[in-house]
N, C-alpha and C. Protein backbone atom coordinates (compact mmCIF):
# COMPACT_ATOMS: atom_id res chain seq x y z
N UNK A 1 -1.89 7.46 17.01
CA UNK A 1 -1.85 8.12 15.73
C UNK A 1 -2.55 7.24 14.70
N UNK A 2 -3.37 7.81 13.88
CA UNK A 2 -4.11 7.09 12.85
C UNK A 2 -3.65 7.55 11.48
N UNK A 3 -3.25 6.59 10.63
CA UNK A 3 -2.79 6.94 9.29
C UNK A 3 -3.77 6.36 8.28
N UNK A 4 -4.02 7.12 7.25
CA UNK A 4 -4.89 6.67 6.17
C UNK A 4 -4.05 6.50 4.92
N UNK A 5 -4.19 5.37 4.28
CA UNK A 5 -3.47 5.14 3.04
C UNK A 5 -4.45 5.27 1.89
N UNK A 6 -4.02 5.93 0.84
CA UNK A 6 -4.89 6.14 -0.31
C UNK A 6 -4.26 5.53 -1.54
N UNK A 7 -5.10 5.19 -2.51
CA UNK A 7 -4.56 4.67 -3.76
C UNK A 7 -4.18 5.84 -4.66
N UNK A 8 -3.63 5.55 -5.82
CA UNK A 8 -3.13 6.59 -6.72
C UNK A 8 -4.22 7.56 -7.16
N UNK A 9 -5.42 7.05 -7.44
CA UNK A 9 -6.53 7.91 -7.88
C UNK A 9 -6.91 8.90 -6.78
N UNK A 10 -7.02 8.41 -5.53
CA UNK A 10 -7.38 9.27 -4.42
C UNK A 10 -6.28 10.30 -4.15
N UNK A 11 -5.03 9.86 -4.20
CA UNK A 11 -3.92 10.78 -3.97
C UNK A 11 -3.90 11.88 -5.02
N UNK A 12 -4.12 11.52 -6.28
CA UNK A 12 -4.17 12.50 -7.36
C UNK A 12 -5.28 13.51 -7.10
N UNK A 13 -6.45 13.02 -6.71
CA UNK A 13 -7.58 13.90 -6.44
C UNK A 13 -7.30 14.86 -5.29
N UNK A 14 -6.66 14.34 -4.24
CA UNK A 14 -6.33 15.20 -3.10
C UNK A 14 -5.31 16.26 -3.48
N UNK A 15 -4.30 15.88 -4.27
CA UNK A 15 -3.30 16.85 -4.69
C UNK A 15 -3.91 17.93 -5.58
N UNK A 16 -4.77 17.52 -6.52
CA UNK A 16 -5.42 18.49 -7.40
C UNK A 16 -6.36 19.40 -6.60
N UNK A 17 -7.05 18.83 -5.62
CA UNK A 17 -7.96 19.64 -4.79
C UNK A 17 -7.17 20.67 -4.00
N UNK A 18 -6.01 20.27 -3.46
CA UNK A 18 -5.19 21.21 -2.71
C UNK A 18 -4.68 22.32 -3.63
N UNK A 19 -4.30 21.96 -4.87
CA UNK A 19 -3.87 22.98 -5.83
C UNK A 19 -5.03 23.91 -6.16
N UNK A 20 -6.23 23.37 -6.28
CA UNK A 20 -7.41 24.19 -6.55
C UNK A 20 -7.64 25.19 -5.41
N UNK A 21 -7.52 24.69 -4.16
CA UNK A 21 -7.72 25.57 -3.01
C UNK A 21 -6.70 26.70 -2.99
N UNK A 22 -5.46 26.40 -3.40
CA UNK A 22 -4.43 27.42 -3.39
C UNK A 22 -4.58 28.38 -4.56
N UNK A 23 -4.94 27.85 -5.72
CA UNK A 23 -5.02 28.68 -6.93
C UNK A 23 -6.41 29.24 -7.18
N UNK A 24 -7.42 28.66 -6.57
CA UNK A 24 -8.81 29.05 -6.74
C UNK A 24 -9.24 29.08 -8.20
N UNK A 25 -8.72 28.12 -8.98
CA UNK A 25 -9.11 28.01 -10.38
C UNK A 25 -9.99 26.78 -10.51
N UNK A 26 -11.26 26.92 -10.24
CA UNK A 26 -12.20 25.82 -10.17
C UNK A 26 -12.33 25.06 -11.48
N UNK A 27 -12.28 25.71 -12.60
CA UNK A 27 -12.47 25.04 -13.89
C UNK A 27 -11.39 24.01 -14.16
N UNK A 28 -10.14 24.30 -13.82
CA UNK A 28 -9.05 23.35 -14.03
C UNK A 28 -9.24 22.10 -13.18
N UNK A 29 -9.66 22.27 -11.93
CA UNK A 29 -9.86 21.12 -11.04
C UNK A 29 -10.92 20.18 -11.60
N UNK A 30 -12.06 20.69 -11.96
CA UNK A 30 -13.13 19.83 -12.44
C UNK A 30 -12.82 19.23 -13.81
N UNK A 31 -12.12 19.97 -14.66
CA UNK A 31 -11.75 19.43 -15.97
C UNK A 31 -10.83 18.23 -15.81
N UNK A 32 -9.83 18.30 -14.91
CA UNK A 32 -8.89 17.21 -14.70
C UNK A 32 -9.53 16.01 -14.04
N UNK A 33 -10.57 16.17 -13.26
CA UNK A 33 -11.18 15.07 -12.53
C UNK A 33 -12.37 14.43 -13.25
N UNK A 34 -12.74 14.91 -14.43
CA UNK A 34 -13.86 14.33 -15.15
C UNK A 34 -13.65 12.85 -15.45
N UNK A 35 -12.41 12.43 -15.73
CA UNK A 35 -12.15 11.04 -16.07
C UNK A 35 -12.38 10.10 -14.90
N UNK A 36 -12.38 10.60 -13.65
CA UNK A 36 -12.53 9.75 -12.49
C UNK A 36 -13.95 9.68 -11.94
N UNK A 37 -14.86 10.52 -12.41
CA UNK A 37 -16.18 10.59 -11.82
C UNK A 37 -16.94 9.27 -11.84
N UNK A 38 -16.88 8.52 -12.94
CA UNK A 38 -17.64 7.29 -13.07
C UNK A 38 -16.84 6.05 -12.69
N UNK A 39 -15.60 6.21 -12.27
CA UNK A 39 -14.72 5.08 -12.04
C UNK A 39 -15.25 4.14 -10.96
N UNK A 40 -15.83 4.66 -9.89
CA UNK A 40 -16.29 3.81 -8.80
C UNK A 40 -17.46 2.93 -9.21
N UNK A 41 -18.16 3.28 -10.27
CA UNK A 41 -19.29 2.48 -10.71
C UNK A 41 -18.88 1.39 -11.69
N UNK A 42 -17.62 1.36 -12.09
CA UNK A 42 -17.16 0.35 -13.04
C UNK A 42 -17.13 -1.02 -12.37
N UNK A 43 -17.62 -2.04 -13.06
CA UNK A 43 -17.58 -3.39 -12.52
C UNK A 43 -16.18 -3.97 -12.57
N UNK A 44 -15.39 -3.57 -13.55
CA UNK A 44 -14.06 -4.14 -13.68
C UNK A 44 -12.99 -3.22 -13.08
N UNK A 45 -13.33 -2.52 -12.03
CA UNK A 45 -12.41 -1.64 -11.32
C UNK A 45 -11.29 -2.50 -10.74
N UNK A 46 -10.03 -2.20 -11.10
CA UNK A 46 -8.94 -3.06 -10.67
C UNK A 46 -7.80 -2.27 -10.03
N UNK A 47 -8.10 -1.13 -9.46
CA UNK A 47 -7.08 -0.34 -8.78
C UNK A 47 -6.75 -1.02 -7.47
N UNK A 48 -5.47 -1.26 -7.22
CA UNK A 48 -5.05 -1.92 -5.99
C UNK A 48 -4.39 -0.92 -5.07
N UNK A 49 -4.42 -1.21 -3.78
CA UNK A 49 -3.71 -0.38 -2.82
C UNK A 49 -2.21 -0.60 -2.98
N UNK A 50 -1.45 0.35 -2.51
CA UNK A 50 0.00 0.23 -2.57
C UNK A 50 0.47 -0.80 -1.55
N UNK A 51 1.38 -1.66 -1.96
CA UNK A 51 1.96 -2.64 -1.05
C UNK A 51 3.39 -2.25 -0.67
N UNK A 52 3.74 -1.00 -0.87
CA UNK A 52 5.05 -0.49 -0.46
C UNK A 52 4.94 -0.14 1.03
N UNK A 53 5.84 -0.67 1.82
CA UNK A 53 5.84 -0.41 3.25
C UNK A 53 7.22 0.04 3.71
N UNK A 54 7.26 0.84 4.75
CA UNK A 54 8.51 1.24 5.38
C UNK A 54 8.76 0.26 6.51
N UNK A 55 9.81 -0.53 6.34
CA UNK A 55 10.16 -1.57 7.31
C UNK A 55 11.40 -1.12 8.08
N UNK A 56 11.35 -1.22 9.39
CA UNK A 56 12.46 -0.84 10.25
C UNK A 56 13.38 -2.05 10.41
N UNK A 57 14.66 -1.87 10.11
CA UNK A 57 15.64 -2.94 10.25
C UNK A 57 15.71 -3.37 11.72
N UNK A 58 15.61 -4.68 11.99
CA UNK A 58 15.66 -5.14 13.38
C UNK A 58 17.06 -5.06 14.00
N UNK A 59 18.06 -4.77 13.20
CA UNK A 59 19.44 -4.68 13.69
C UNK A 59 19.85 -3.23 13.98
N UNK A 60 19.66 -2.34 12.99
CA UNK A 60 20.18 -0.97 13.11
C UNK A 60 19.09 0.10 13.09
N UNK A 61 17.84 -0.29 13.00
CA UNK A 61 16.67 0.62 13.03
C UNK A 61 16.59 1.57 11.84
N UNK A 62 17.23 1.23 10.74
CA UNK A 62 17.14 2.04 9.53
C UNK A 62 15.80 1.76 8.83
N UNK A 63 15.19 2.80 8.28
CA UNK A 63 13.95 2.64 7.53
C UNK A 63 14.27 2.14 6.12
N UNK A 64 13.62 1.04 5.72
CA UNK A 64 13.79 0.45 4.40
C UNK A 64 12.44 0.45 3.69
N UNK A 65 12.35 1.07 2.52
CA UNK A 65 11.12 1.02 1.73
C UNK A 65 11.13 -0.26 0.92
N UNK A 66 10.13 -1.11 1.14
CA UNK A 66 10.08 -2.41 0.48
C UNK A 66 8.72 -2.57 -0.18
N UNK A 67 8.74 -2.96 -1.47
CA UNK A 67 7.51 -3.24 -2.20
C UNK A 67 7.22 -4.72 -2.06
N UNK A 68 6.14 -5.06 -1.38
CA UNK A 68 5.78 -6.45 -1.13
C UNK A 68 4.95 -7.05 -2.27
N UNK A 69 4.70 -6.30 -3.31
CA UNK A 69 3.87 -6.74 -4.43
C UNK A 69 4.36 -8.06 -5.03
N UNK A 70 5.65 -8.17 -5.30
CA UNK A 70 6.19 -9.36 -5.94
C UNK A 70 6.33 -10.53 -4.98
N UNK A 71 6.25 -10.28 -3.69
CA UNK A 71 6.47 -11.30 -2.68
C UNK A 71 5.17 -11.90 -2.12
N UNK A 72 4.02 -11.41 -2.58
CA UNK A 72 2.78 -11.82 -1.93
C UNK A 72 1.95 -12.79 -2.76
N UNK A 73 1.11 -13.49 -2.03
CA UNK A 73 0.11 -14.38 -2.64
C UNK A 73 -1.25 -13.73 -2.38
N UNK A 74 -2.01 -13.52 -3.42
CA UNK A 74 -3.28 -12.81 -3.32
C UNK A 74 -4.44 -13.79 -3.24
N UNK A 75 -5.29 -13.59 -2.24
CA UNK A 75 -6.53 -14.36 -2.13
C UNK A 75 -7.67 -13.37 -1.97
N UNK A 76 -8.89 -13.83 -2.21
CA UNK A 76 -10.03 -12.96 -2.01
C UNK A 76 -11.23 -13.77 -1.57
N UNK A 77 -12.13 -13.09 -0.89
CA UNK A 77 -13.40 -13.71 -0.52
C UNK A 77 -14.49 -12.66 -0.66
N UNK A 78 -15.66 -13.10 -1.03
CA UNK A 78 -16.77 -12.20 -1.27
C UNK A 78 -17.36 -11.76 0.06
N UNK A 79 -17.60 -10.45 0.17
CA UNK A 79 -18.22 -9.88 1.37
C UNK A 79 -19.35 -8.96 0.94
N UNK A 80 -19.96 -8.29 1.88
CA UNK A 80 -21.14 -7.47 1.61
C UNK A 80 -20.88 -6.36 0.60
N UNK A 81 -19.73 -5.68 0.66
CA UNK A 81 -19.44 -4.58 -0.26
C UNK A 81 -18.51 -5.02 -1.38
N UNK A 82 -18.55 -6.29 -1.74
CA UNK A 82 -17.70 -6.81 -2.80
C UNK A 82 -16.56 -7.65 -2.23
N UNK A 83 -15.62 -8.02 -3.08
CA UNK A 83 -14.56 -8.90 -2.60
C UNK A 83 -13.57 -8.19 -1.67
N UNK A 84 -13.05 -8.94 -0.71
CA UNK A 84 -11.95 -8.49 0.13
C UNK A 84 -10.70 -9.18 -0.38
N UNK A 85 -9.68 -8.40 -0.71
CA UNK A 85 -8.40 -8.96 -1.15
C UNK A 85 -7.47 -9.03 0.04
N UNK A 86 -6.80 -10.16 0.17
CA UNK A 86 -5.81 -10.33 1.22
C UNK A 86 -4.49 -10.69 0.55
N UNK A 87 -3.47 -9.90 0.82
CA UNK A 87 -2.14 -10.12 0.28
C UNK A 87 -1.29 -10.72 1.40
N UNK A 88 -0.90 -11.99 1.25
CA UNK A 88 -0.11 -12.68 2.27
C UNK A 88 1.33 -12.82 1.78
N UNK A 89 2.28 -12.66 2.69
CA UNK A 89 3.69 -12.74 2.30
C UNK A 89 4.52 -13.32 3.44
N UNK A 90 5.62 -13.97 3.06
CA UNK A 90 6.59 -14.52 4.00
C UNK A 90 7.90 -14.63 3.23
N UNK A 91 8.77 -13.67 3.42
CA UNK A 91 9.99 -13.62 2.63
C UNK A 91 11.22 -13.45 3.50
N UNK A 92 12.30 -14.11 3.12
CA UNK A 92 13.58 -14.01 3.82
C UNK A 92 14.62 -13.29 2.98
N UNK A 93 14.21 -12.77 1.84
CA UNK A 93 15.14 -12.20 0.88
C UNK A 93 15.24 -10.69 0.99
N UNK A 94 15.27 -10.17 2.19
CA UNK A 94 15.37 -8.73 2.40
C UNK A 94 16.64 -8.41 3.15
N UNK A 95 17.33 -7.38 2.71
CA UNK A 95 18.54 -6.93 3.38
C UNK A 95 18.43 -5.43 3.64
N UNK A 96 18.95 -5.00 4.77
CA UNK A 96 18.92 -3.60 5.15
C UNK A 96 19.79 -2.79 4.20
N UNK A 97 19.31 -1.60 3.84
CA UNK A 97 20.08 -0.75 2.93
C UNK A 97 21.30 -0.14 3.61
N UNK A 98 21.32 -0.13 4.95
CA UNK A 98 22.45 0.46 5.67
C UNK A 98 23.44 -0.60 6.15
N UNK A 99 22.98 -1.57 6.93
CA UNK A 99 23.91 -2.56 7.51
C UNK A 99 24.05 -3.82 6.66
N UNK A 100 23.13 -4.05 5.71
CA UNK A 100 23.24 -5.18 4.80
C UNK A 100 22.84 -6.52 5.39
N UNK A 101 22.36 -6.56 6.61
CA UNK A 101 21.99 -7.82 7.24
C UNK A 101 20.59 -8.25 6.81
N UNK A 102 20.38 -9.56 6.67
CA UNK A 102 19.07 -10.07 6.20
C UNK A 102 18.03 -10.12 7.32
N UNK A 103 16.76 -9.95 6.94
CA UNK A 103 15.66 -10.09 7.87
C UNK A 103 14.45 -10.65 7.15
N UNK A 104 13.56 -11.23 7.93
CA UNK A 104 12.36 -11.88 7.40
C UNK A 104 11.16 -10.97 7.61
N UNK A 105 10.31 -10.88 6.59
CA UNK A 105 9.06 -10.12 6.67
C UNK A 105 7.92 -11.10 6.40
N UNK A 106 6.96 -11.16 7.32
CA UNK A 106 5.80 -12.03 7.11
C UNK A 106 4.55 -11.30 7.58
N UNK A 107 3.41 -11.75 7.07
CA UNK A 107 2.14 -11.15 7.48
C UNK A 107 1.16 -11.03 6.34
N UNK A 108 0.26 -10.07 6.49
CA UNK A 108 -0.76 -9.85 5.47
C UNK A 108 -1.15 -8.37 5.43
N UNK A 109 -1.74 -7.98 4.29
CA UNK A 109 -2.35 -6.67 4.12
C UNK A 109 -3.73 -6.92 3.51
N UNK A 110 -4.75 -6.31 4.08
CA UNK A 110 -6.12 -6.53 3.63
C UNK A 110 -6.65 -5.28 2.94
N UNK A 111 -7.33 -5.49 1.83
CA UNK A 111 -7.96 -4.42 1.04
C UNK A 111 -9.45 -4.70 0.97
N UNK A 112 -10.25 -3.82 1.58
CA UNK A 112 -11.71 -3.98 1.55
C UNK A 112 -12.37 -2.67 1.94
N UNK A 113 -13.34 -2.20 1.14
CA UNK A 113 -13.72 -2.70 -0.18
C UNK A 113 -12.60 -2.46 -1.19
N UNK A 114 -12.80 -2.90 -2.40
CA UNK A 114 -11.75 -2.82 -3.42
C UNK A 114 -11.23 -1.40 -3.55
N UNK A 115 -9.90 -1.29 -3.52
CA UNK A 115 -9.26 0.01 -3.65
C UNK A 115 -9.07 0.74 -2.34
N UNK A 116 -9.53 0.16 -1.22
CA UNK A 116 -9.42 0.83 0.08
C UNK A 116 -8.62 -0.04 1.05
N UNK A 117 -7.69 0.57 1.75
CA UNK A 117 -6.91 -0.11 2.77
C UNK A 117 -7.83 -0.51 3.92
N UNK A 118 -7.70 -1.75 4.40
CA UNK A 118 -8.52 -2.23 5.50
C UNK A 118 -7.68 -2.46 6.75
N UNK A 119 -6.71 -3.37 6.69
CA UNK A 119 -5.88 -3.67 7.86
C UNK A 119 -4.61 -4.38 7.40
N UNK A 120 -3.69 -4.53 8.35
CA UNK A 120 -2.46 -5.25 8.05
C UNK A 120 -1.83 -5.76 9.33
N UNK A 121 -1.05 -6.80 9.19
CA UNK A 121 -0.22 -7.31 10.27
C UNK A 121 1.11 -7.69 9.64
N UNK A 122 2.16 -7.01 10.05
CA UNK A 122 3.48 -7.24 9.46
C UNK A 122 4.46 -7.52 10.59
N UNK A 123 5.16 -8.66 10.47
CA UNK A 123 6.18 -9.04 11.46
C UNK A 123 7.55 -8.99 10.78
N UNK A 124 8.50 -8.37 11.46
CA UNK A 124 9.87 -8.29 10.97
C UNK A 124 10.75 -9.01 12.00
N UNK A 125 11.46 -10.04 11.53
CA UNK A 125 12.27 -10.87 12.42
C UNK A 125 13.69 -10.94 11.88
N UNK A 126 14.70 -10.75 12.75
CA UNK A 126 16.09 -10.87 12.27
C UNK A 126 16.40 -12.33 11.91
N UNK A 127 17.21 -12.51 10.89
CA UNK A 127 17.68 -13.84 10.52
C UNK A 127 19.11 -13.94 11.05
N UNK A 128 19.31 -14.92 11.91
CA UNK A 128 20.63 -15.08 12.53
C UNK A 128 21.67 -15.43 11.46
N UNK A 129 22.88 -14.93 11.65
CA UNK A 129 23.97 -15.20 10.71
C UNK A 129 24.22 -16.68 10.60
N UNK A 130 24.62 -17.14 9.42
CA UNK A 130 24.92 -18.55 9.17
C UNK A 130 26.05 -19.05 10.07
N UNK A 131 26.98 -18.17 10.45
CA UNK A 131 28.15 -18.57 11.25
C UNK A 131 27.78 -18.88 12.69
N UNK A 132 26.68 -18.33 13.21
CA UNK A 132 26.33 -18.53 14.62
C UNK A 132 25.68 -19.86 14.85
């Protein structure tokens, strides 16, 4: 299975396009999207991909939505189509919303070109109880 992640601008455009297809009101679609037409040509484009991920608890298999934005260190390197952003994280401060047990999340998420999801590697490891 292949999943594509989109940023807020792309998601908005897809939703509006779907509404256009259902309503067949072409003027509304193009009027709402005029503000985005020149955005890709901006040099100071700073739209980032979402760093919210669904993490499966290693203890009870519950899905936990976790925003890794505050937990990551951002680096970048220049490539052919502009900079590649790499968000690296290693955190032990996560607890399952169902069982309450702590687990560690480490890895990276890559954005290249800017605003587009490239790849990721996320490891989820249980943290053994202090009593054991």
